[in-house]
Protein backbone atom coordinates (compact mmCIF):
# COMPACT_ATOMS: atom_id res chain seq x y z
CA MET A 1 160.52 61.63 52.58
CA THR A 2 160.23 63.02 55.85
CA TYR A 3 162.12 62.04 59.55
CA ALA A 4 160.91 61.85 62.81
CA HIS A 5 162.58 61.88 65.97
CA GLY A 6 162.17 59.51 68.56
CA GLY A 7 159.82 61.96 70.73
CA GLU A 8 158.05 62.60 67.81
CA LEU A 9 157.36 58.63 66.94
CA VAL A 10 156.40 58.39 70.96
CA ALA A 11 153.26 61.50 71.12
CA ARG A 12 152.18 60.01 67.42
CA SER A 13 152.05 56.46 68.63
CA LEU A 14 149.79 57.96 72.04
CA ALA A 15 147.96 60.06 69.72
CA ALA A 16 147.16 56.79 67.91
CA GLN A 17 145.97 55.16 70.84
CA GLY A 18 143.45 57.96 72.04
CA VAL A 19 145.92 59.34 74.48
CA SER A 20 144.16 63.21 75.35
CA THR A 21 146.93 64.36 78.10
CA ILE A 22 150.52 63.37 79.69
CA TYR A 23 151.09 63.64 83.33
CA THR A 24 155.12 64.91 84.23
CA LEU A 25 157.89 67.12 85.72
CA CYS A 26 160.71 67.82 82.74
CA GLY A 27 163.82 66.18 82.07
CA GLY A 28 166.86 66.52 79.55
CA HIS A 29 166.18 63.09 78.66
CA VAL A 30 162.71 62.87 77.69
CA ALA A 31 162.77 66.52 76.42
CA PRO A 32 161.98 65.55 72.49
CA VAL A 33 158.36 63.93 73.63
CA TYR A 34 157.15 67.56 74.33
CA ASP A 35 158.02 68.31 71.27
CA GLY A 36 156.13 65.48 69.93
CA CYS A 37 152.89 66.92 72.01
CA LEU A 38 152.80 69.89 70.74
CA ASN A 39 152.40 68.13 67.05
CA HIS A 40 149.54 66.02 68.29
CA ASP A 41 147.77 68.36 70.39
CA ILE A 42 148.06 66.04 74.08
CA ALA A 43 147.86 68.15 76.82
CA VAL A 44 151.13 68.45 78.69
CA ILE A 45 150.22 68.62 82.39
CA ASP A 46 153.64 69.39 84.93
CA PHE A 47 153.89 68.51 88.62
CA ARG A 48 156.30 69.29 91.20
CA HIS A 49 157.11 65.66 92.06
CA GLU A 50 156.95 62.68 89.89
CA GLN A 51 155.32 60.52 92.24
CA ALA A 52 152.13 63.24 91.69
CA ALA A 53 153.02 62.62 88.43
CA ALA A 54 152.62 59.00 88.30
CA HIS A 55 149.29 59.39 90.21
CA ALA A 56 147.54 61.56 88.09
CA ALA A 57 147.86 59.00 85.46
CA ASP A 58 146.83 56.18 87.83
CA ALA A 59 143.78 58.82 88.35
CA HIS A 60 143.12 59.39 85.19
CA ALA A 61 142.97 55.81 83.72
CA ARG A 62 140.57 54.83 86.44
CA LEU A 63 137.93 57.89 85.27
CA THR A 64 138.10 56.87 82.07
CA ARG A 65 138.22 53.18 81.84
CA ASN A 66 141.48 53.22 79.76
CA VAL A 67 145.38 53.99 80.24
CA GLY A 68 147.04 56.94 82.04
CA VAL A 69 150.41 57.91 81.05
CA ALA A 70 153.35 59.74 82.75
CA LEU A 71 156.47 60.74 81.32
CA VAL A 72 159.46 61.01 83.86
CA THR A 73 163.07 61.71 83.36
CA ALA A 74 165.87 58.98 84.03
CA GLY A 75 167.72 57.90 87.96
CA PRO A 76 165.95 60.20 90.50
CA GLY A 77 163.17 61.23 88.30
CA VAL A 78 161.59 57.42 87.49
CA THR A 79 162.61 56.28 91.15
CA ASP A 80 160.63 59.21 92.27
CA ALA A 81 157.49 57.74 90.47
CA VAL A 82 158.02 54.39 92.38
CA THR A 83 155.32 54.59 94.62
CA GLY A 84 152.64 56.03 92.14
CA VAL A 85 153.65 52.87 89.55
CA ALA A 86 153.56 50.28 92.83
CA ASN A 87 150.18 52.00 93.73
CA ALA A 88 148.51 51.49 90.53
CA TYR A 89 149.73 47.98 90.42
CA GLN A 90 147.99 46.99 93.88
CA ALA A 91 144.93 49.13 92.78
CA ARG A 92 144.78 47.01 89.29
CA SER A 93 145.00 50.52 87.30
CA PRO A 94 146.37 50.42 83.57
CA MET A 95 149.09 53.57 83.64
CA ILE A 96 151.86 53.58 81.77
CA LEU A 97 155.14 55.04 82.73
CA LEU A 98 157.46 56.55 80.25
CA GLY A 99 160.93 56.76 81.80
CA GLY A 100 164.11 58.48 79.74
CA ALA A 101 167.24 56.93 80.39
CA ALA A 102 171.29 57.23 79.80
CA PRO A 103 171.95 56.68 75.91
CA LEU A 104 172.42 52.61 74.71
CA SER A 105 175.91 53.94 73.42
CA THR A 106 177.15 54.46 76.84
CA LYS A 107 175.12 51.65 78.76
CA GLY A 108 177.55 50.50 81.45
CA MET A 109 180.04 53.16 81.64
CA GLY A 110 178.53 55.66 83.87
CA ALA A 111 176.84 57.81 82.02
CA LEU A 112 174.44 60.71 84.17
CA GLN A 113 171.42 59.28 85.85
CA GLU A 114 171.86 55.95 84.47
CA MET A 115 170.38 52.77 86.94
CA PRO A 116 168.91 49.80 86.08
CA GLN A 117 165.30 50.82 86.30
CA VAL A 118 163.43 47.85 83.95
CA GLU A 119 164.73 45.47 86.38
CA MET A 120 163.66 47.39 89.47
CA PHE A 121 160.28 47.66 87.74
CA ARG A 122 159.34 44.00 86.91
CA THR A 123 158.46 42.77 90.11
CA PHE A 124 155.15 45.67 90.22
CA THR A 125 154.36 45.95 86.59
CA LYS A 126 152.49 44.20 84.16
CA ALA A 127 155.85 44.49 81.73
CA ALA A 128 158.99 46.83 82.08
CA PHE A 129 160.87 47.04 78.55
CA THR A 130 163.39 49.25 76.93
CA ILE A 131 163.09 50.62 73.75
CA GLU A 132 166.05 49.90 71.76
CA ARG A 133 165.46 51.37 68.64
CA THR A 134 163.84 54.05 67.78
CA GLU A 135 161.83 52.67 64.18
CA ASP A 136 160.13 49.82 66.99
CA ILE A 137 159.00 52.54 69.46
CA PRO A 138 154.63 52.83 67.36
CA GLU A 139 154.72 48.83 68.04
CA ARG A 140 156.78 48.86 71.17
CA LEU A 141 153.99 51.58 72.74
CA ALA A 142 150.70 49.65 71.08
CA GLU A 143 152.35 46.05 73.10
CA ALA A 144 152.15 48.48 76.86
CA TYR A 145 148.89 49.60 75.92
CA ARG A 146 147.94 45.40 75.00
CA HIS A 147 149.91 44.41 78.56
CA ALA A 148 148.27 47.28 80.24
CA LEU A 149 144.68 46.59 79.40
CA SER A 150 144.47 42.95 78.84
CA GLY A 151 143.41 40.44 81.54
CA ARG A 152 143.95 42.10 85.05
CA PRO A 153 144.46 45.62 83.95
CA GLY A 154 147.59 46.92 85.73
CA PRO A 155 150.94 49.40 85.07
CA VAL A 156 153.78 48.98 82.57
CA PHE A 157 156.79 50.32 82.43
CA VAL A 158 158.34 51.44 79.00
CA GLU A 159 162.01 52.92 79.22
CA LEU A 160 162.96 55.50 76.34
CA PRO A 161 167.02 56.11 76.20
CA PHE A 162 168.30 59.34 75.37
CA ASP A 163 170.05 58.42 71.83
CA VAL A 164 166.61 56.73 70.84
CA LEU A 165 164.30 59.21 71.14
CA PHE A 166 166.72 62.03 69.56
CA ASN A 167 167.89 59.85 66.64
CA ALA A 168 165.51 60.50 63.74
CA VAL A 169 164.25 57.94 61.69
CA ASP A 170 161.90 57.39 58.03
CA SER A 171 158.11 58.08 59.57
CA PRO A 172 156.01 55.29 59.40
CA GLU A 173 153.21 55.72 56.83
CA ARG A 174 150.66 54.47 59.62
CA MET A 175 150.66 53.77 63.25
CA PRO A 176 149.55 50.68 65.04
CA ASP A 177 145.61 49.85 65.07
CA ARG A 178 144.04 50.92 68.73
CA VAL A 179 144.28 48.38 71.09
CA ALA A 180 140.76 47.36 72.21
CA ILE A 181 140.55 44.29 74.68
CA GLU A 182 137.53 41.64 73.96
CA PRO A 183 135.44 41.11 77.12
CA VAL A 184 135.30 37.20 78.11
CA PRO A 185 132.54 35.55 78.49
CA PRO A 186 131.28 32.53 81.12
CA PRO A 187 131.95 29.26 80.40
CA VAL A 188 128.45 27.59 80.13
CA ASP A 189 129.11 24.97 82.49
CA ALA A 190 129.79 27.50 85.31
CA VAL A 191 127.06 29.60 84.57
CA GLN A 192 124.88 26.26 85.08
CA ALA A 193 127.47 26.31 88.34
CA MET A 194 126.36 29.18 89.67
CA PHE A 195 122.43 28.75 88.78
CA ASP A 196 122.82 25.82 91.22
CA LEU A 197 124.22 27.25 94.26
CA LEU A 198 122.13 30.60 93.89
CA ARG A 199 119.35 28.45 93.22
CA SER A 200 119.55 26.16 96.58
CA ALA A 201 120.70 29.08 98.77
CA LYS A 202 118.63 30.78 101.71
CA ARG A 203 120.78 33.73 102.13
CA PRO A 204 123.46 34.68 99.54
CA LEU A 205 125.27 38.29 98.83
CA ILE A 206 127.35 39.52 96.02
CA ILE A 207 130.19 41.78 96.48
CA ALA A 208 131.22 44.05 94.02
CA GLY A 209 134.66 45.51 93.58
CA THR A 210 136.95 46.61 91.12
CA GLN A 211 136.27 44.66 88.26
CA VAL A 212 132.76 45.25 88.41
CA TYR A 213 133.55 48.82 87.42
CA TRP A 214 135.73 48.16 84.82
CA ASN A 215 133.92 45.49 83.03
CA ASP A 216 130.81 48.38 83.19
CA GLY A 217 128.32 46.21 85.09
CA GLY A 218 126.64 48.76 87.28
CA ASP A 219 123.66 48.40 84.94
CA ALA A 220 123.60 44.49 85.22
CA LEU A 221 124.47 44.68 88.87
CA ARG A 222 121.01 46.52 89.49
CA GLU A 223 119.14 44.28 87.48
CA LEU A 224 120.42 41.35 89.31
CA THR A 225 119.39 42.39 92.63
CA ASP A 226 116.23 44.27 91.72
CA ALA A 227 114.93 41.01 90.12
CA THR A 228 116.14 38.97 93.36
CA ALA A 229 116.52 41.25 96.33
CA ILE A 230 119.75 39.96 96.70
CA PRO A 231 122.25 42.47 98.45
CA VAL A 232 125.16 43.96 97.69
CA PHE A 233 128.25 45.45 99.39
CA THR A 234 130.32 46.96 96.85
CA ASN A 235 134.56 47.17 97.47
CA GLY A 236 137.20 49.36 96.29
CA ALA A 237 136.39 50.95 92.82
CA GLY A 238 133.19 49.03 92.70
CA ARG A 239 132.07 52.21 94.99
CA GLY A 240 128.97 53.52 92.81
CA THR A 241 128.55 50.87 90.93
CA LEU A 242 125.14 50.29 92.80
CA SER A 243 123.98 53.53 94.12
CA MET A 244 124.24 53.59 97.59
CA ALA A 245 121.07 55.40 97.85
CA HIS A 246 120.14 51.80 96.16
CA PRO A 247 117.74 50.25 98.91
CA HIS A 248 120.02 46.39 98.44
CA CYS A 249 123.16 48.64 98.97
CA PHE A 250 124.69 48.32 102.44
CA LYS A 251 128.27 49.54 103.67
CA ALA A 252 127.94 49.02 107.28
CA THR A 253 127.19 45.54 108.33
CA ARG A 254 129.51 43.15 105.91
CA GLY A 255 131.22 41.35 108.76
CA LYS A 256 128.29 40.55 110.17
CA ALA A 257 126.45 39.29 106.52
CA LEU A 258 129.43 37.15 105.73
CA ARG A 259 128.88 35.16 109.33
CA ALA A 260 125.29 34.89 108.12
CA ALA A 261 125.37 34.27 104.55
CA ASP A 262 125.10 30.80 102.84
CA VAL A 263 126.83 31.87 99.03
CA VAL A 264 129.29 34.67 98.59
CA LEU A 265 129.19 35.74 94.98
CA LEU A 266 132.34 37.64 95.20
CA ILE A 267 132.99 39.80 91.49
CA GLY A 268 136.76 41.17 91.36
CA THR A 269 137.66 41.46 94.57
CA PRO A 270 140.75 40.28 96.01
CA LEU A 271 140.04 37.98 99.33
CA ASP A 272 143.07 40.19 101.02
CA PHE A 273 142.96 41.91 104.06
CA ARG A 274 140.06 43.99 103.45
CA LEU A 275 137.50 40.79 102.83
CA LYS A 276 140.13 39.38 106.09
CA TYR A 277 141.29 36.78 103.88
CA GLY A 278 138.39 35.05 103.43
CA ARG A 279 138.36 33.72 106.69
CA GLU A 280 137.42 35.32 109.98
CA ASP A 281 134.45 37.22 109.87
CA TRP A 282 132.90 34.61 107.27
CA ASN A 283 130.57 31.56 107.50
CA PRO A 284 132.97 28.86 107.59
CA ASP A 285 130.28 26.46 105.62
CA CYS A 286 129.24 29.00 103.29
CA LYS A 287 129.93 28.79 99.34
CA LEU A 288 132.05 30.82 97.42
CA ILE A 289 131.75 32.00 94.00
CA GLN A 290 134.81 33.94 92.50
CA ILE A 291 134.44 35.85 89.20
CA GLU A 292 137.98 37.09 88.34
CA ASN A 293 139.88 39.05 85.69
CA ASP A 294 143.08 37.41 87.01
CA ALA A 295 143.47 33.77 87.11
CA ALA A 296 146.53 34.45 90.03
CA GLU A 297 143.54 35.22 92.35
CA LEU A 298 141.14 32.95 91.90
CA ASN A 299 141.50 30.54 95.35
CA HIS A 300 143.68 32.26 96.19
CA ASN A 301 142.99 31.95 100.30
CA ARG A 302 139.87 30.36 100.05
CA GLN A 303 138.80 27.65 97.98
CA ALA A 304 135.68 28.67 95.76
CA ASP A 305 133.45 26.26 95.20
CA VAL A 306 132.78 27.79 91.26
CA ALA A 307 135.88 29.93 90.29
CA LEU A 308 135.99 31.96 86.80
CA VAL A 309 137.74 34.42 84.73
CA ALA A 310 135.08 36.12 82.72
CA ASP A 311 133.92 39.64 82.25
CA ALA A 312 131.96 40.79 85.22
CA ARG A 313 129.01 42.36 83.24
CA LEU A 314 128.33 39.55 80.55
CA VAL A 315 128.29 37.28 84.27
CA LEU A 316 125.99 39.59 85.97
CA GLU A 317 123.47 39.65 82.87
CA ALA A 318 123.75 35.74 82.31
CA LEU A 319 122.46 35.80 86.21
CA ALA A 320 119.61 38.17 85.93
CA GLU A 321 118.58 36.16 83.23
CA GLY A 322 118.85 33.27 85.20
CA LEU A 323 117.71 33.78 88.12
CA GLN A 324 114.50 35.26 87.15
CA GLY A 325 111.53 34.38 89.47
CA ILE A 326 113.78 34.02 92.56
CA ARG A 327 113.82 36.60 95.47
CA PHE A 328 115.25 36.65 98.50
CA GLN A 329 113.25 38.94 100.82
CA PRO A 330 113.32 37.95 104.00
CA TRP A 331 117.01 38.06 104.35
CA LEU A 332 117.03 41.45 102.20
CA ASP A 333 114.58 42.48 105.48
CA GLN A 334 117.54 41.10 107.87
CA VAL A 335 120.34 42.73 106.83
CA ALA A 336 118.52 46.34 106.32
CA ASP A 337 117.54 45.53 110.06
CA TRP A 338 121.17 45.46 110.63
CA GLU A 339 122.10 47.88 108.58
CA GLN A 340 119.34 50.61 110.31
CA ALA A 341 120.72 49.28 113.82
CA ARG A 342 124.14 50.24 112.98
CA ASN A 343 123.46 53.73 110.82
CA ASP A 344 121.07 54.69 114.42
CA LYS A 345 124.06 54.09 116.60
CA GLN A 346 126.42 56.17 114.39
CA LYS A 347 124.01 59.15 114.34
CA VAL A 348 124.78 59.68 117.23
CA TRP A 349 128.49 60.63 116.83
CA GLU A 350 127.62 62.42 113.08
CA ALA A 351 124.82 64.99 115.12
CA LEU A 352 127.77 65.87 117.68
CA ASP A 353 128.66 69.61 118.39
CA ASP A 354 131.81 69.61 119.57
CA ALA A 355 134.27 71.73 118.90
CA PRO A 356 137.31 70.37 118.00
CA VAL A 357 135.12 68.40 115.74
CA ASN A 358 134.10 64.77 115.92
CA HIS A 359 135.66 63.10 112.75
CA PHE A 360 131.84 61.21 112.19
CA ARG A 361 130.63 64.58 112.43
CA PHE A 362 132.70 66.28 110.11
CA ALA A 363 131.77 63.41 107.68
CA ALA A 364 128.18 64.49 108.17
CA GLU A 365 128.82 67.82 107.19
CA VAL A 366 130.42 66.55 104.13
CA GLU A 367 127.83 64.01 103.37
CA HIS A 368 125.14 66.76 103.34
CA PHE A 369 127.55 68.88 100.89
CA ILE A 370 128.29 66.45 98.30
CA ASP A 371 126.19 65.39 95.26
CA GLU A 372 126.17 62.90 92.34
CA ASP A 373 128.41 65.13 90.43
CA THR A 374 130.92 65.75 92.83
CA ILE A 375 134.17 63.83 92.26
CA VAL A 376 135.51 62.41 96.13
CA ILE A 377 138.78 61.83 96.34
CA GLY A 378 139.81 60.02 100.07
CA ASP A 379 143.34 60.38 101.32
CA GLY A 380 143.93 59.71 104.58
CA GLY A 381 143.38 57.53 107.20
CA ASP A 382 141.02 57.71 110.42
CA ILE A 383 139.15 60.68 108.13
CA VAL A 384 138.50 58.34 105.40
CA SER A 385 137.87 55.73 107.20
CA ALA A 386 135.14 57.90 108.98
CA CYS A 387 133.77 59.23 105.32
CA ALA A 388 133.56 56.06 103.57
CA LYS A 389 131.04 55.02 106.38
CA VAL A 390 128.97 57.99 106.01
CA LEU A 391 129.03 59.41 102.79
CA THR A 392 126.15 58.34 99.57
CA ILE A 393 128.07 57.28 96.50
CA ILE A 394 125.84 57.62 93.37
CA ARG A 395 127.62 57.00 90.38
CA PRO A 396 130.85 54.52 89.37
CA GLY A 397 134.22 56.64 89.75
CA GLN A 398 132.67 59.22 91.79
CA TRP A 399 134.21 58.11 94.58
CA LEU A 400 138.28 57.79 94.58
CA ASP A 401 140.96 56.14 97.05
CA PRO A 402 144.40 54.99 97.04
CA GLY A 403 143.33 51.28 97.07
CA PRO A 404 144.96 48.17 98.73
CA LEU A 405 148.15 49.76 98.94
CA GLY A 406 147.34 52.10 101.33
CA CYS A 407 148.95 54.81 99.92
CA LEU A 408 149.00 58.31 100.92
CA GLY A 409 149.25 61.58 99.39
CA VAL A 410 146.89 60.67 96.23
CA GLY A 411 144.81 63.46 97.36
CA ALA A 412 146.04 66.63 94.93
CA PRO A 413 147.35 64.47 92.18
CA PHE A 414 144.22 62.30 91.58
CA ALA A 415 141.91 65.98 91.94
CA VAL A 416 144.52 67.50 89.20
CA ALA A 417 143.72 64.45 87.21
CA ALA A 418 139.51 64.55 87.84
CA GLN A 419 139.41 68.41 87.59
CA HIS A 420 141.01 68.45 83.98
CA LEU A 421 139.35 65.63 82.49
CA TYR A 422 135.92 66.58 84.45
CA PRO A 423 135.77 70.37 83.94
CA ASN A 424 132.16 71.17 84.93
CA ARG A 425 132.30 68.87 87.87
CA ARG A 426 133.38 69.08 91.53
CA VAL A 427 136.34 67.72 93.00
CA LEU A 428 136.61 67.06 96.81
CA ILE A 429 139.27 65.69 98.05
CA LEU A 430 138.94 64.64 101.77
CA SER A 431 142.73 64.85 103.46
CA GLY A 432 143.98 64.11 107.01
CA ASP A 433 146.62 66.38 107.82
CA GLY A 434 149.64 63.84 107.83
CA SER A 435 148.75 63.39 103.77
CA PHE A 436 148.51 66.54 102.75
CA GLY A 437 152.05 67.32 103.39
CA LEU A 438 152.88 64.28 101.04
CA ASN A 439 151.90 66.00 98.04
CA GLY A 440 150.18 69.30 98.88
CA PHE A 441 152.61 70.93 96.89
CA GLU A 442 150.41 70.36 94.35
CA PHE A 443 148.06 73.13 94.51
CA ASP A 444 150.51 74.95 92.91
CA THR A 445 150.16 72.81 89.67
CA ALA A 446 146.06 73.19 90.58
CA ALA A 447 146.98 76.89 90.21
CA ARG A 448 149.11 77.00 87.59
CA PHE A 449 146.47 75.44 85.24
CA GLY A 450 143.33 77.26 86.58
CA LEU A 451 141.91 73.64 88.13
CA PRO A 452 139.30 74.38 91.43
CA ILE A 453 139.88 71.63 92.78
CA VAL A 454 139.05 71.76 96.59
CA ALA A 455 140.61 70.18 99.81
CA ILE A 456 139.11 69.75 103.11
CA VAL A 457 141.53 68.53 105.85
CA GLY A 458 140.37 67.22 108.59
CA ASN A 459 143.25 68.46 111.24
CA ASP A 460 143.81 66.53 114.13
CA ALA A 461 147.74 67.46 114.56
CA GLY A 462 148.85 64.02 114.29
CA TRP A 463 149.07 60.67 112.18
CA GLY A 464 145.95 59.98 114.00
CA GLN A 465 145.52 56.12 112.54
CA ILE A 466 148.46 55.64 114.05
CA ARG A 467 148.43 57.26 117.01
CA GLY A 468 145.53 56.71 118.45
CA PRO A 469 145.91 52.50 118.82
CA GLN A 470 150.15 54.33 120.22
CA VAL A 471 148.39 55.90 122.61
CA GLN A 472 146.09 53.32 124.01
CA MET A 473 149.20 50.52 124.03
CA VAL A 474 151.65 52.58 125.73
CA GLY A 475 150.19 55.94 126.85
CA VAL A 476 151.01 59.73 125.98
CA ASP A 477 154.35 59.85 127.44
CA ARG A 478 155.50 56.82 125.32
CA ALA A 479 153.57 57.57 121.89
CA ILE A 480 156.41 59.48 119.71
CA ALA A 481 157.08 59.99 116.14
CA THR A 482 153.06 60.64 115.64
CA SER A 483 152.78 64.23 116.55
CA LEU A 484 152.50 66.74 114.12
CA ALA A 485 151.51 70.54 114.36
CA PRO A 486 147.91 72.42 114.01
CA THR A 487 149.71 73.67 110.69
CA ARG A 488 147.51 76.35 109.07
CA TYR A 489 147.43 74.16 105.68
CA ASP A 490 144.79 76.69 104.29
CA ARG A 491 147.45 79.30 104.05
CA VAL A 492 149.56 77.16 102.10
CA VAL A 493 147.16 76.98 99.86
CA GLU A 494 146.70 80.40 99.62
CA ALA A 495 150.45 81.05 99.43
CA LEU A 496 150.08 78.77 95.83
CA GLY A 497 147.67 80.99 94.64
CA GLY A 498 144.48 79.55 96.21
CA TYR A 499 141.76 80.06 98.55
CA GLY A 500 141.91 79.28 102.01
CA GLU A 501 139.62 78.96 105.63
CA ARG A 502 140.06 77.63 109.20
CA VAL A 503 137.16 76.26 110.73
CA GLU A 504 136.83 75.21 114.02
CA GLY A 505 133.42 74.36 115.12
CA PRO A 506 131.12 72.14 112.55
CA ASP A 507 128.86 74.88 111.85
CA GLY A 508 131.35 76.56 109.87
CA ILE A 509 132.15 73.28 107.40
CA LEU A 510 129.41 73.84 105.10
CA PRO A 511 129.45 77.30 104.63
CA ALA A 512 132.86 77.43 104.52
CA LEU A 513 132.81 74.54 101.50
CA GLU A 514 130.30 76.85 99.69
CA ARG A 515 132.64 79.79 99.73
CA ALA A 516 135.84 77.24 98.80
CA PHE A 517 133.93 76.12 95.60
CA ALA A 518 132.55 79.41 94.83
CA SER A 519 136.00 81.02 94.55
CA GLY A 520 136.97 79.65 91.24
CA LYS A 521 140.52 79.06 92.69
CA PRO A 522 142.12 75.83 94.15
CA ALA A 523 141.04 75.98 97.79
CA CYS A 524 141.21 74.14 100.78
CA VAL A 525 139.22 74.21 104.13
CA ASN A 526 141.60 73.28 107.11
CA VAL A 527 139.08 71.88 110.13
CA MET A 528 140.32 71.37 113.51
CA LEU A 529 139.40 67.71 114.24
CA ASP A 530 139.19 66.31 117.88
CA PRO A 531 142.56 64.50 118.43
CA ALA A 532 140.62 61.49 120.27
CA GLY A 533 137.45 61.80 117.83
CA MET A 534 137.75 58.24 116.81
CA SER A 535 138.98 56.51 119.96
CA LYS A 536 136.35 57.99 121.43
CA THR A 537 133.57 56.46 118.98
CA GLY A 538 135.30 52.91 119.16
CA ALA A 539 136.51 52.55 115.75
CA SER A 540 139.07 50.15 115.34
CA SER A 541 142.26 50.58 113.23
CA PRO A 542 143.41 48.28 110.76
CA TYR A 543 146.84 48.34 112.27
CA ILE A 544 145.47 46.53 115.86
CA VAL A 545 145.55 43.27 114.96
């Protein structure tokens, strides 16, 4: 008879589910898990802050369309990871946070780092629970996988008490089967109702969101719009599910198109602030078809005419087959004309030679640099907003941003996970100077693991997305708590073992990016931006309501 301690069972259970990597920051409460990972060829990437480890697990989940796993120690280790878990919850990302805990044998007695961890996580996870017996570890972790992947994907918190991990039990003969979630087909009557609405439409619109990405619906989306000429806007992780180089994919005129559309096919995108809650900027008479993986999102903020829980790919395939012979070319041409007019105005800003650099010129230089094999990570306010309006995202999973929580600091952690998963692809962080400060120390992690991620920092010496509207509202003299120093973030990365450059004019951006990637090290290109750049362009802030 052989025995296994709890940490060995955790690692063996994760390996049985296909886990190849865990993201962590060490602590005595969880030490046995590391020992188990060595036995099962699970890579352990240790960060400098638990928030970063949680963000990395979130990115791992998004990039693999599977579960990402983070491991943190008890008490402050767990609380430090809260923001990463909350961000994953809002972004519908199926990560599992394994958290150490004080021994069950002393529960309630005031052990080191003891606190009510499970209760804290229940409000923003799909499930949160404690494993109370070592022999239950395999089945409970399989249960965590099922929770994370089923329906609307999302995070799960699993508490692992100290004595449960250190205890040894009989080694089980086999692990639970790998969790697989079957796609949910659309009901026949709902498909017919969608056909009826779209066949009678004159100005239909598709908004393809995160669920299209998770359900691998990109090919079906392209086939549907190729056949019907329905204009497409992408949202969230849906970016790249239809290449932005495709003539039917638009990004600059969504509000105008929504005001004119008579049917909107909304796939896996909540009617939240990004879509003006389905009210403002919408044609009040338009019909809504809503496809979701979460029944709670149906009819939220706006009543849908057809609402169903189903796999996005299966819905798109059914529509492509059932709408053959129907095209909306005049409407597509109209949206294309609006888009071209908007882009022509924006290109004036993209061509500015000013120094400090305008945000849109910054974005245009990045656009010249990236290709379809570049993973782009947005981590900032104004700078990411500008780049999102300019960059052409070609492939699913090529663009990562925090998601609807608007969490800054994801840049370096997301990039570490991305480079670890895809060592032969370039990974570029679009960072504000404010957001760089939150997890910039993770360039130490990238250097230790030989991951040559690159951040291009738009440095306007302030929290620009807040400071710009603040100055407009109360004037420079009363604009407080939003200024930063023009810090040499490039030198910070150099000190951590990487490569850095400071750039003052727009013509220096592209050569600096080339040198940064050629260095083979983690790198930072620190670009000095015009603090009033976005205000000059008239771009609106989400904080002005």
